[in-house]
Amino acid sequence: MRPSTAPSATRRTVLRVGLLGGLAVSAGCSRPGSSGSGRLLQPTDPVVAQVEAARATSGATVTHTLSAQTTTLDLAGRAARTWAFGDSVPGPLLRANVGDRIRVDVANALPDPTTIHWHGVRLRNDMDGVPDLTQDAIAPEASLAYDFVAPDPGTYFFHPHVGLQLDRGLYGVLVVDDPDETSSADVEWIVVLDDWLDGLDDDPDTQLERLQELRGMQMGHMGDGTGIDYPLYLVNGRPPEDAETFTAKPGQRVRLRVVNAAADTTFVLALGGHRMTITHKDGIPTRPLETEAVAIGMGERYDALVTCGDGAFPLVAAAVGKPGLAGAVLRTSPGAAAPALTTEVPELRGDVTQATALTGLGEVAGYDDTLGTPDDRPPDRAIEIALGMRGGRYEWVLNGATFAEAEPFVVDQGERVRMTFSNRSHAIHPMHLHGHSFRLVDGGSWHDTVLVGAMASVSADFVSDNPGRWALHCHNIYHAEAGMMAVLGYEA
């Protein structure tokens, strides 16, 4: 995406096809978030490097290499010519410990410029990977070294921020471990969800062109939030016809790290025969919540614990408002019959947890200790953001403007900022702020990406303690590419 543009039970909602509910909250704050009269900080300003130098470090450096290149995937017998990091989708798993310096050397063997955005990481601004905002794009046959300290543990992922490149195969998972974390998990299963059309008689750019040609009544399908009907939905790069099998033992505790890397699809995830306990959202600990299923918007990540039964069980991710599904298998008994991967999994018909159902722990090191409580410090600035579609065509806007028209939202260093997302459309929008995490006013859970339900509002606070120019956008990348993006900038 190139910028050219109270008790937990009361917060749990049931998901119905095509619609996510939300709780409206209000914000009464002092200073509006609007364009300032002064200069905005640039990624190259010294304060960016100064903040990076002040981060706590482990003293270790972890190095990785990535090649963005063309490749051909075998999707259950269907050959798809696409782009990927290496020859696999997802790309290589990158791993480091909190406080490590991460250096990733990226070579661009694609025909077009590209970047890498480190989704969810509160990193230095000049390493954020947004062309024309934080860096120049990496030209074909060129390379670039991303170099930053990993300030927080968690489940993250990486992808380009150029056009619709994420809707090819250019993504992977970054896990930042905390050596001091105690966990009851015996094994770990990383689950990456995706919607897929590239190389199957279609490509993302052509799909966007078709959407932008729609007018008036033709927009009904897109305006109601159901989105694009993809030919395939994947778990870890594989469709249900060639599903991945994860092997564990009965009674073992599995830590699921689930990433929604899709471009245009919200999923509801459930594991047949099991309940899961959500422990982290967007890499940040939350109050444990047991549930049957969870709604995961584009760009969101959930960690959950599952105690394995004895047999073979379907892990199913149903596409919201669409007929397809992604799936995989959890097997703990070699002789058990393979389960059917269908939406008939009973857990999909039970309670479905979404982000606004989560509650905070009360204090999370590195997060709550900087923000404090609302009583400690009321917001210094309010940013009101209306989400919508304009003019009966495929044009998505923030406060009535596309990125090309919008002024940046401006903050000063060290402010407590309250953002209120008011969705005035019937689509659901996963709103993502780069370089920061924010705490929901209702419930107190931390996020960097949050689903805002149709005709709903969500308010969240953050501290402006990571200077630079940051993208703020819907993580449906078709919405973002069609205008639903803005800049949050620090005044110099």
Protein backbone atom coordinates (compact mmCIF):
# COMPACT_ATOMS: atom_id res chain seq x y z
CA MET A 1 0.00 0.00 0.00
CA ARG A 2 1.71 3.11 -1.17
CA PRO A 3 0.25 6.19 0.51
CA SER A 4 -1.26 8.19 -2.30
CA THR A 5 -3.79 8.12 -0.49
CA ALA A 6 -16.92 -4.37 32.81
CA PRO A 7 -17.20 -8.18 32.87
CA SER A 8 -15.99 -9.89 29.78
CA ALA A 9 -19.34 -11.61 29.23
CA THR A 10 -20.97 -8.26 28.45
CA ARG A 11 -18.38 -7.60 25.75
CA ARG A 12 -18.74 -10.90 23.93
CA THR A 13 -20.76 -10.77 20.75
CA VAL A 14 -22.02 -13.32 18.29
CA LEU A 15 -20.82 -12.87 14.74
CA ARG A 16 -23.35 -13.08 11.94
CA VAL A 17 -22.37 -13.28 8.29
CA GLY A 18 -21.24 -9.95 6.88
CA LEU A 19 -21.68 -7.94 10.08
CA LEU A 20 -19.65 -7.36 13.22
CA GLY A 21 -21.23 -5.47 16.09
CA GLY A 22 -19.45 -2.85 18.17
CA LEU A 23 -19.90 -0.67 21.24
CA ALA A 24 -20.15 3.06 20.73
CA VAL A 25 -17.97 5.07 23.09
CA SER A 26 -17.42 8.78 23.42
CA ALA A 27 -14.38 10.92 23.91
CA GLY A 28 -14.28 14.37 25.40
CA CYS A 29 -10.75 15.70 24.94
CA SER A 30 -9.13 19.07 24.60
CA ARG A 31 -7.14 19.38 21.38
CA PRO A 32 -8.31 18.22 17.97
CA GLY A 33 -6.05 16.14 15.76
CA SER A 34 -5.73 18.22 12.62
CA SER A 35 -3.06 19.56 10.36
CA GLY A 36 -0.52 21.72 12.15
CA SER A 37 1.04 24.96 11.05
CA GLY A 38 4.62 23.80 11.50
CA ARG A 39 6.91 21.26 9.85
CA LEU A 40 6.37 17.57 10.46
CA LEU A 41 9.26 15.46 11.67
CA GLN A 42 10.98 13.49 8.94
CA PRO A 43 12.22 9.90 9.29
CA THR A 44 15.78 11.23 9.05
CA ASP A 45 15.41 13.77 11.88
CA PRO A 46 17.90 13.12 14.71
CA VAL A 47 15.17 12.53 17.29
CA VAL A 48 14.20 9.30 15.50
CA ALA A 49 17.69 7.89 16.00
CA GLN A 50 17.79 9.24 19.56
CA VAL A 51 14.63 7.38 20.54
CA GLU A 52 16.01 4.21 18.96
CA ALA A 53 19.28 4.57 20.87
CA ALA A 54 17.38 4.87 24.14
CA ARG A 55 15.58 1.53 23.68
CA ALA A 56 16.63 -1.26 26.02
CA THR A 57 18.72 -3.80 24.13
CA SER A 58 19.91 -7.33 24.75
CA GLY A 59 23.23 -6.65 23.05
CA ALA A 60 22.62 -9.41 20.51
CA THR A 61 22.18 -8.99 16.74
CA VAL A 62 20.04 -11.37 14.69
CA THR A 63 20.54 -11.36 10.93
CA HIS A 64 18.28 -12.64 8.19
CA THR A 65 18.17 -12.41 4.41
CA LEU A 66 15.07 -12.21 2.22
CA SER A 67 14.68 -12.31 -1.54
CA ALA A 68 11.50 -10.87 -3.03
CA GLN A 69 11.09 -12.83 -6.25
CA THR A 70 8.74 -14.49 -8.69
CA THR A 71 7.86 -18.11 -8.10
CA THR A 72 5.24 -20.73 -8.95
CA LEU A 73 3.14 -22.35 -6.23
CA ASP A 74 1.37 -25.67 -6.36
CA LEU A 75 -2.04 -24.98 -4.80
CA ALA A 76 -3.57 -28.46 -4.62
CA GLY A 77 -2.65 -29.15 -8.22
CA ARG A 78 -3.28 -25.63 -9.52
CA ALA A 79 -0.14 -23.79 -10.59
CA ALA A 80 -0.09 -20.13 -9.53
CA ARG A 81 2.63 -17.83 -10.80
CA THR A 82 3.12 -15.21 -8.09
CA TRP A 83 5.55 -13.19 -6.01
CA ALA A 84 6.98 -14.38 -2.70
CA PHE A 85 9.88 -14.14 -0.28
CA GLY A 86 11.89 -17.05 -1.59
CA ASP A 87 9.96 -19.98 -3.01
CA SER A 88 7.44 -20.47 -0.22
CA VAL A 89 4.28 -18.84 1.06
CA PRO A 90 4.41 -17.72 3.80
CA GLY A 91 8.02 -16.61 3.57
CA PRO A 92 10.72 -17.71 6.03
CA LEU A 93 9.91 -17.47 9.73
CA LEU A 94 12.02 -14.73 11.32
CA ARG A 95 12.70 -15.00 15.03
CA ALA A 96 14.52 -12.91 17.63
CA ASN A 97 14.44 -12.15 21.35
CA VAL A 98 13.07 -8.94 22.77
CA GLY A 99 15.74 -6.25 22.77
CA ASP A 100 17.72 -7.90 19.96
CA ARG A 101 18.90 -5.81 17.08
CA ILE A 102 17.30 -7.26 13.95
CA ARG A 103 19.04 -6.82 10.61
CA VAL A 104 17.26 -8.10 7.51
CA ASP A 105 18.95 -7.77 4.14
CA VAL A 106 16.29 -7.60 1.43
CA ALA A 107 17.10 -8.20 -2.24
CA ASN A 108 14.47 -7.18 -4.79
CA ALA A 109 14.36 -9.61 -7.72
CA LEU A 110 10.87 -8.45 -8.72
CA PRO A 111 10.03 -6.40 -11.82
CA ASP A 112 8.58 -3.63 -9.60
CA PRO A 113 9.81 -1.64 -6.58
CA THR A 114 8.95 -3.07 -3.18
CA THR A 115 9.45 -2.57 0.58
CA ILE A 116 8.94 -4.43 3.84
CA HIS A 117 6.64 -3.11 6.56
CA TRP A 118 7.14 -4.73 9.98
CA HIS A 119 3.49 -4.91 10.95
CA GLY A 120 2.82 -4.16 14.61
CA VAL A 121 6.42 -3.51 15.65
CA ARG A 122 6.96 -0.22 17.51
CA LEU A 123 10.18 0.34 15.63
CA ARG A 124 12.11 3.40 14.43
CA ASN A 125 10.28 5.43 11.80
CA ASP A 126 12.88 5.17 9.03
CA MET A 127 12.61 1.34 9.08
CA ASP A 128 8.81 1.16 8.75
CA GLY A 129 8.76 0.37 5.03
CA VAL A 130 6.22 2.84 3.63
CA PRO A 131 7.46 4.29 0.32
CA ASP A 132 7.36 8.07 -0.09
CA LEU A 133 6.64 8.39 3.64
CA THR A 134 9.45 6.65 5.55
CA GLN A 135 11.80 5.47 2.78
CA ASP A 136 12.39 5.20 -0.93
CA ALA A 137 11.09 1.93 -2.35
CA ILE A 138 13.67 -0.76 -3.15
CA ALA A 139 14.13 -0.66 -6.93
CA PRO A 140 14.29 -3.84 -9.01
CA GLU A 141 17.73 -5.50 -8.76
CA ALA A 142 18.51 -3.34 -5.70
CA SER A 143 18.73 -4.24 -2.03
CA LEU A 144 18.20 -2.63 1.35
CA ALA A 145 19.12 -3.53 4.92
CA TYR A 146 16.39 -3.04 7.52
CA ASP A 147 18.03 -2.53 10.90
CA PHE A 148 16.08 -1.95 14.13
CA VAL A 149 15.74 -2.98 17.76
CA ALA A 150 12.80 -5.24 18.62
CA PRO A 151 11.34 -3.39 21.61
CA ASP A 152 8.48 -5.73 22.49
CA PRO A 153 7.86 -9.49 22.46
CA GLY A 154 4.97 -10.78 20.38
CA THR A 155 3.55 -12.23 17.18
CA TYR A 156 4.08 -9.93 14.19
CA PHE A 157 4.25 -10.27 10.44
CA PHE A 158 5.95 -8.55 7.54
CA HIS A 159 4.75 -7.58 4.08
CA PRO A 160 5.29 -4.91 1.41
CA HIS A 161 3.57 -1.56 1.59
CA VAL A 162 3.49 -0.98 -2.17
CA GLY A 163 0.17 -1.16 -3.99
CA LEU A 164 -1.52 -4.55 -3.69
CA GLN A 165 1.65 -6.63 -3.36
CA LEU A 166 0.41 -8.18 -0.10
CA ASP A 167 -2.35 -9.88 -2.13
CA ARG A 168 0.30 -11.94 -3.86
CA GLY A 169 2.49 -14.13 -1.67
CA LEU A 170 4.76 -11.49 -0.18
CA TYR A 171 4.36 -12.00 3.56
CA GLY A 172 5.87 -13.86 6.47
CA VAL A 173 5.83 -14.09 10.27
CA LEU A 174 8.15 -12.38 12.75
CA VAL A 175 8.12 -13.78 16.29
CA VAL A 176 9.87 -11.83 19.03
CA ASP A 177 10.31 -14.05 22.07
CA ASP A 178 10.65 -13.02 25.69
CA PRO A 179 13.19 -15.35 27.36
CA ASP A 180 11.62 -14.53 30.74
CA GLU A 181 8.07 -15.40 29.70
CA THR A 182 6.51 -18.36 31.46
CA SER A 183 4.08 -20.40 29.40
CA SER A 184 2.21 -23.64 29.96
CA ALA A 185 2.44 -24.49 26.24
CA ASP A 186 4.21 -27.67 25.19
CA VAL A 187 4.32 -26.95 21.46
CA GLU A 188 3.71 -24.02 19.11
CA TRP A 189 1.67 -23.89 15.91
CA ILE A 190 1.96 -20.81 13.72
CA VAL A 191 -1.18 -20.42 11.59
CA VAL A 192 -1.24 -17.86 8.75
CA LEU A 193 -4.58 -17.22 7.05
CA ASP A 194 -4.86 -15.84 3.54
CA ASP A 195 -7.25 -15.25 0.66
CA TRP A 196 -5.84 -16.14 -2.75
CA LEU A 197 -6.45 -15.14 -6.37
CA ASP A 198 -3.03 -14.28 -7.84
CA GLY A 199 -1.98 -16.46 -10.76
CA LEU A 200 -5.37 -18.21 -10.96
CA ASP A 201 -6.70 -16.43 -14.04
CA ASP A 202 -6.58 -13.17 -12.10
CA ASP A 203 -4.26 -10.75 -10.33
CA PRO A 204 -4.78 -8.08 -7.65
CA ASP A 205 -4.32 -5.04 -9.89
CA THR A 206 -6.90 -6.27 -12.40
CA GLN A 207 -9.28 -7.03 -9.53
CA LEU A 208 -8.96 -3.45 -8.24
CA GLU A 209 -9.58 -2.04 -11.71
CA ARG A 210 -12.82 -4.02 -11.91
CA LEU A 211 -13.92 -2.76 -8.52
CA GLN A 212 -13.24 0.83 -9.48
CA GLU A 213 -15.39 0.45 -12.60
CA LEU A 214 -18.46 -0.39 -10.50
CA ARG A 215 -21.04 2.34 -9.98
CA GLY A 216 -24.30 2.87 -8.12
CA MET A 217 -26.31 -0.27 -7.46
CA GLN A 218 -23.40 -2.44 -8.57
CA MET A 219 -21.62 -1.32 -5.44
CA GLY A 220 -24.12 -3.04 -3.16
CA HIS A 221 -22.04 -6.19 -2.88
CA MET A 222 -18.93 -4.21 -2.00
CA GLY A 223 -20.62 -1.66 0.21
CA ASP A 224 -22.19 -4.26 2.49
CA GLY A 225 -18.79 -5.55 3.55
CA THR A 226 -18.84 -8.96 1.91
CA GLY A 227 -15.96 -8.04 -0.38
CA ILE A 228 -14.20 -10.12 -3.01
CA ASP A 229 -15.09 -13.79 -3.53
CA TYR A 230 -11.68 -15.46 -3.74
CA PRO A 231 -11.19 -18.79 -5.52
CA LEU A 232 -9.05 -20.12 -2.64
CA TYR A 233 -8.44 -19.54 1.05
CA LEU A 234 -5.22 -20.80 2.59
CA VAL A 235 -3.66 -21.87 5.88
CA ASN A 236 0.13 -21.64 5.73
CA GLY A 237 0.03 -21.42 1.94
CA ARG A 238 -2.14 -24.49 1.42
CA PRO A 239 -5.82 -24.81 0.43
CA PRO A 240 -8.14 -27.26 2.23
CA GLU A 241 -7.72 -29.85 -0.53
CA ASP A 242 -4.04 -30.12 0.44
CA ALA A 243 -4.30 -29.15 4.08
CA GLU A 244 -1.38 -28.95 6.48
CA THR A 245 -1.40 -31.45 9.36
CA PHE A 246 0.04 -30.38 12.69
CA THR A 247 1.01 -33.26 14.97
CA ALA A 248 0.84 -33.19 18.76
CA LYS A 249 0.06 -35.60 21.59
CA PRO A 250 -3.20 -35.96 23.51
CA GLY A 251 -3.19 -33.67 26.53
CA GLN A 252 -0.46 -31.42 25.22
CA ARG A 253 -1.00 -27.67 25.33
CA VAL A 254 -0.59 -25.98 21.94
CA ARG A 255 0.19 -22.30 21.64
CA LEU A 256 -1.49 -21.05 18.49
CA ARG A 257 0.00 -17.95 16.92
CA VAL A 258 -2.61 -16.89 14.36
CA VAL A 259 -1.97 -14.19 11.75
CA ASN A 260 -4.55 -12.95 9.25
CA ALA A 261 -2.41 -12.02 6.23
CA ALA A 262 -5.42 -11.76 3.91
CA ALA A 263 -6.05 -8.70 1.77
CA ASP A 264 -9.85 -8.55 1.84
CA THR A 265 -11.18 -11.26 4.17
CA THR A 266 -12.13 -11.44 7.83
CA PHE A 267 -12.11 -15.00 9.14
CA VAL A 268 -13.81 -16.77 12.02
CA LEU A 269 -11.43 -19.41 13.37
CA ALA A 270 -12.41 -22.49 15.36
CA LEU A 271 -10.85 -25.84 16.22
CA GLY A 272 -13.35 -28.68 16.11
CA GLY A 273 -13.85 -30.46 19.41
CA HIS A 274 -11.94 -27.84 21.38
CA ARG A 275 -12.25 -24.53 23.13
CA MET A 276 -9.37 -22.08 22.99
CA THR A 277 -8.12 -19.58 25.55
CA ILE A 278 -7.01 -16.27 24.05
CA THR A 279 -3.87 -15.01 25.79
CA HIS A 280 -2.49 -12.29 23.47
CA LYS A 281 -3.85 -9.86 20.90
CA ASP A 282 -1.43 -8.33 18.39
CA GLY A 283 1.41 -9.76 20.44
CA ILE A 284 0.35 -8.10 23.70
CA PRO A 285 -0.93 -10.08 26.72
CA THR A 286 -4.62 -9.78 27.46
CA ARG A 287 -6.79 -11.19 30.22
CA PRO A 288 -7.24 -14.88 29.30
CA LEU A 289 -10.61 -15.50 27.67
CA GLU A 290 -11.97 -18.94 26.82
CA THR A 291 -14.01 -19.08 23.65
CA GLU A 292 -15.23 -21.40 20.93
CA ALA A 293 -14.23 -19.19 18.00
CA VAL A 294 -12.57 -15.88 17.26
CA ALA A 295 -13.07 -13.30 14.51
CA ILE A 296 -9.76 -12.19 13.00
CA GLY A 297 -9.61 -9.14 10.78
CA MET A 298 -6.93 -8.43 8.21
CA GLY A 299 -3.68 -7.60 10.00
CA GLU A 300 -4.86 -8.85 13.40
CA ARG A 301 -2.98 -11.52 15.32
CA TYR A 302 -4.16 -13.73 18.17
CA ASP A 303 -2.27 -16.08 20.46
CA ALA A 304 -4.35 -18.80 22.10
CA LEU A 305 -3.83 -21.95 24.16
CA VAL A 306 -5.56 -25.24 23.33
CA THR A 307 -5.40 -28.52 25.26
CA CYS A 308 -5.35 -31.32 22.70
CA GLY A 309 -7.94 -34.05 22.60
CA ASP A 310 -7.29 -37.54 21.25
CA GLY A 311 -7.93 -37.92 17.51
CA ALA A 312 -7.79 -35.75 14.40
CA PHE A 313 -9.54 -32.38 14.43
CA PRO A 314 -10.41 -29.70 11.85
CA LEU A 315 -8.99 -26.20 12.23
CA VAL A 316 -11.39 -24.13 10.14
CA ALA A 317 -11.29 -20.44 9.22
CA ALA A 318 -14.61 -19.45 7.66
CA ALA A 319 -14.54 -16.38 5.42
CA VAL A 320 -17.03 -13.82 6.77
CA GLY A 321 -19.74 -13.05 4.23
CA LYS A 322 -18.17 -15.32 1.63
CA PRO A 323 -18.71 -18.97 0.73
CA GLY A 324 -15.12 -20.17 1.16
CA LEU A 325 -12.97 -21.39 4.01
CA ALA A 326 -9.38 -22.14 4.90
CA GLY A 327 -8.45 -25.18 6.92
CA ALA A 328 -5.81 -27.41 8.45
CA VAL A 329 -5.73 -30.52 10.66
CA LEU A 330 -4.59 -31.08 14.23
CA ARG A 331 -3.68 -34.75 14.64
CA THR A 332 -2.89 -36.39 17.96
CA SER A 333 -3.74 -39.99 17.01
CA PRO A 334 -2.08 -41.60 13.96
CA GLY A 335 -5.03 -43.93 13.36
CA ALA A 336 -7.80 -41.34 13.55
CA ALA A 337 -9.80 -40.69 10.39
CA ALA A 338 -9.08 -37.40 8.65
CA PRO A 339 -11.71 -34.81 9.59
CA ALA A 340 -13.82 -32.95 7.05
CA LEU A 341 -12.90 -29.29 6.64
CA THR A 342 -16.30 -27.65 6.42
CA THR A 343 -18.26 -24.85 8.07
CA GLU A 344 -20.28 -27.52 9.88
CA VAL A 345 -17.77 -27.42 12.75
CA PRO A 346 -20.08 -26.86 15.75
CA GLU A 347 -17.77 -24.32 17.37
CA LEU A 348 -18.36 -21.94 14.45
CA ARG A 349 -22.02 -21.75 15.50
CA GLY A 350 -21.22 -20.84 19.10
CA ASP A 351 -19.96 -17.63 20.65
CA VAL A 352 -17.51 -15.75 18.45
CA THR A 353 -15.07 -13.47 20.23
CA GLN A 354 -13.79 -10.30 18.61
CA ALA A 355 -11.29 -7.67 19.66
CA THR A 356 -13.72 -5.52 21.64
CA ALA A 357 -14.57 -8.56 23.81
CA LEU A 358 -11.09 -8.60 25.32
CA THR A 359 -10.12 -6.93 28.58
CA GLY A 360 -6.74 -5.67 29.67
CA LEU A 361 -4.61 -7.25 32.36
CA GLY A 362 -4.47 -4.05 34.40
CA GLU A 363 -0.81 -3.46 33.62
CA VAL A 364 1.40 -4.69 30.80
CA ALA A 365 5.08 -3.76 31.04
CA GLY A 366 6.08 -1.33 28.31
CA TYR A 367 2.49 -0.37 27.55
CA ASP A 368 0.34 0.55 30.57
CA ASP A 369 3.32 2.00 32.40
CA THR A 370 3.64 4.68 29.69
CA LEU A 371 -0.06 5.35 29.19
CA GLY A 372 -1.28 5.11 32.77
CA THR A 373 -5.00 5.14 33.51
CA PRO A 374 -7.60 7.65 32.27
CA ASP A 375 -7.85 9.00 35.80
CA ASP A 376 -4.09 9.50 35.95
CA ARG A 377 -4.01 11.56 32.81
CA PRO A 378 -6.95 12.57 30.63
CA PRO A 379 -6.31 12.76 26.88
CA ASP A 380 -4.42 15.76 25.58
CA ARG A 381 -5.79 15.44 22.07
CA ALA A 382 -8.79 13.90 20.32
CA ILE A 383 -8.68 12.56 16.77
CA GLU A 384 -12.10 11.82 15.30
CA ILE A 385 -11.99 9.56 12.25
CA ALA A 386 -15.09 8.76 10.20
CA LEU A 387 -14.84 5.67 7.99
CA GLY A 388 -16.91 5.49 4.86
CA MET A 389 -17.47 5.06 1.14
CA ARG A 390 -17.99 8.03 -1.16
CA GLY A 391 -20.15 8.68 -4.17
CA GLY A 392 -21.57 5.25 -4.93
CA ARG A 393 -18.27 4.04 -6.27
CA TYR A 394 -15.29 2.08 -4.98
CA GLU A 395 -13.71 5.02 -3.16
CA TRP A 396 -13.03 4.60 0.55
CA VAL A 397 -12.43 7.68 2.71
CA LEU A 398 -11.39 8.89 6.15
CA ASN A 399 -13.31 11.99 7.21
CA GLY A 400 -14.67 12.25 3.70
CA ALA A 401 -11.26 12.43 2.02
CA THR A 402 -8.96 10.03 0.24
CA PHE A 403 -5.29 9.99 1.09
CA ALA A 404 -4.51 12.22 -1.88
CA GLU A 405 -6.85 14.89 -0.48
CA ALA A 406 -6.32 14.56 3.26
CA GLU A 407 -4.26 16.66 5.63
CA PRO A 408 -2.22 14.67 8.16
CA PHE A 409 -3.33 14.14 11.72
CA VAL A 410 -0.74 15.97 13.80
CA VAL A 411 0.42 15.22 17.35
CA ASP A 412 3.14 16.55 19.63
CA GLN A 413 5.72 14.38 21.34
CA GLY A 414 4.53 12.90 24.62
CA GLU A 415 0.80 13.47 24.28
CA ARG A 416 -1.91 11.08 25.37
CA VAL A 417 -4.00 10.83 22.20
CA ARG A 418 -7.54 9.46 21.91
CA MET A 419 -8.61 8.16 18.49
CA THR A 420 -12.27 7.47 17.82
CA PHE A 421 -13.08 5.43 14.71
CA SER A 422 -16.72 5.93 13.67
CA ASN A 423 -17.73 3.53 10.93
CA ARG A 424 -20.43 5.03 8.70
CA SER A 425 -20.45 2.15 6.26
CA HIS A 426 -21.85 -1.38 6.26
CA ALA A 427 -18.38 -2.82 5.70
CA ILE A 428 -16.08 -3.86 8.53
CA HIS A 429 -12.73 -2.09 8.68
CA PRO A 430 -9.56 -3.37 10.42
CA MET A 431 -7.90 -0.08 11.36
CA HIS A 432 -4.12 -0.19 11.77
CA LEU A 433 -1.76 2.46 13.16
CA HIS A 434 1.92 2.05 12.35
CA GLY A 435 4.62 2.42 14.99
CA HIS A 436 2.29 2.45 18.00
CA SER A 437 -0.02 0.27 20.03
CA PHE A 438 -3.27 1.63 21.41
CA ARG A 439 -5.49 0.66 24.34
CA LEU A 440 -9.24 0.44 23.85
CA VAL A 441 -11.19 2.78 26.08
CA ASP A 442 -13.78 0.05 26.58
CA GLY A 443 -12.11 -3.00 28.09
CA GLY A 444 -8.56 -1.75 28.21
CA SER A 445 -7.01 -4.33 25.87
CA TRP A 446 -4.05 -3.40 23.67
CA HIS A 447 -3.96 -3.57 19.86
CA ASP A 448 -2.24 -2.15 16.81
CA THR A 449 -5.06 -3.30 14.50
CA VAL A 450 -8.71 -3.42 15.49
CA LEU A 451 -11.87 -4.42 13.66
CA VAL A 452 -14.43 -1.63 13.62
CA GLY A 453 -17.86 -3.13 13.04
CA ALA A 454 -20.44 -1.92 10.55
CA MET A 455 -22.03 1.33 11.75
CA ALA A 456 -20.07 1.04 15.03
CA SER A 457 -17.49 3.11 16.88
CA VAL A 458 -14.30 2.23 18.73
CA SER A 459 -12.18 4.59 20.84
CA ALA A 460 -8.59 3.97 21.86
CA ASP A 461 -5.73 5.84 23.54
CA PHE A 462 -2.02 5.87 22.83
CA VAL A 463 1.01 7.90 23.84
CA SER A 464 2.85 9.74 21.06
CA ASP A 465 6.30 8.52 22.08
CA ASN A 466 7.65 7.24 18.74
CA PRO A 467 8.41 10.30 16.58
CA GLY A 468 8.13 10.38 12.81
CA ARG A 469 5.49 10.14 10.09
CA TRP A 470 3.27 7.09 10.36
CA ALA A 471 0.61 5.50 8.18
CA LEU A 472 -2.91 5.08 9.58
CA HIS A 473 -5.18 3.00 7.38
CA CYS A 474 -7.70 0.24 6.88
CA HIS A 475 -5.88 -3.07 6.53
CA ASN A 476 -8.25 -4.23 3.86
CA ILE A 477 -5.62 -3.32 1.32
CA TYR A 478 -8.17 -2.75 -1.43
CA HIS A 479 -9.83 -0.14 0.79
CA ALA A 480 -6.45 1.41 1.56
CA GLU A 481 -5.41 1.49 -2.08
CA ALA A 482 -8.78 3.08 -2.92
CA GLY A 483 -8.15 5.93 -0.49
CA MET A 484 -8.70 4.79 3.11
CA MET A 485 -5.35 5.93 4.44
CA ALA A 486 -3.93 8.96 6.26
CA VAL A 487 -0.71 10.11 7.89
CA LEU A 488 -0.21 10.64 11.60
CA GLY A 489 2.73 13.01 11.93
CA TYR A 490 4.69 14.53 14.79
CA GLU A 491 5.16 18.25 14.69
CA ALA A 492 8.82 19.28 14.65
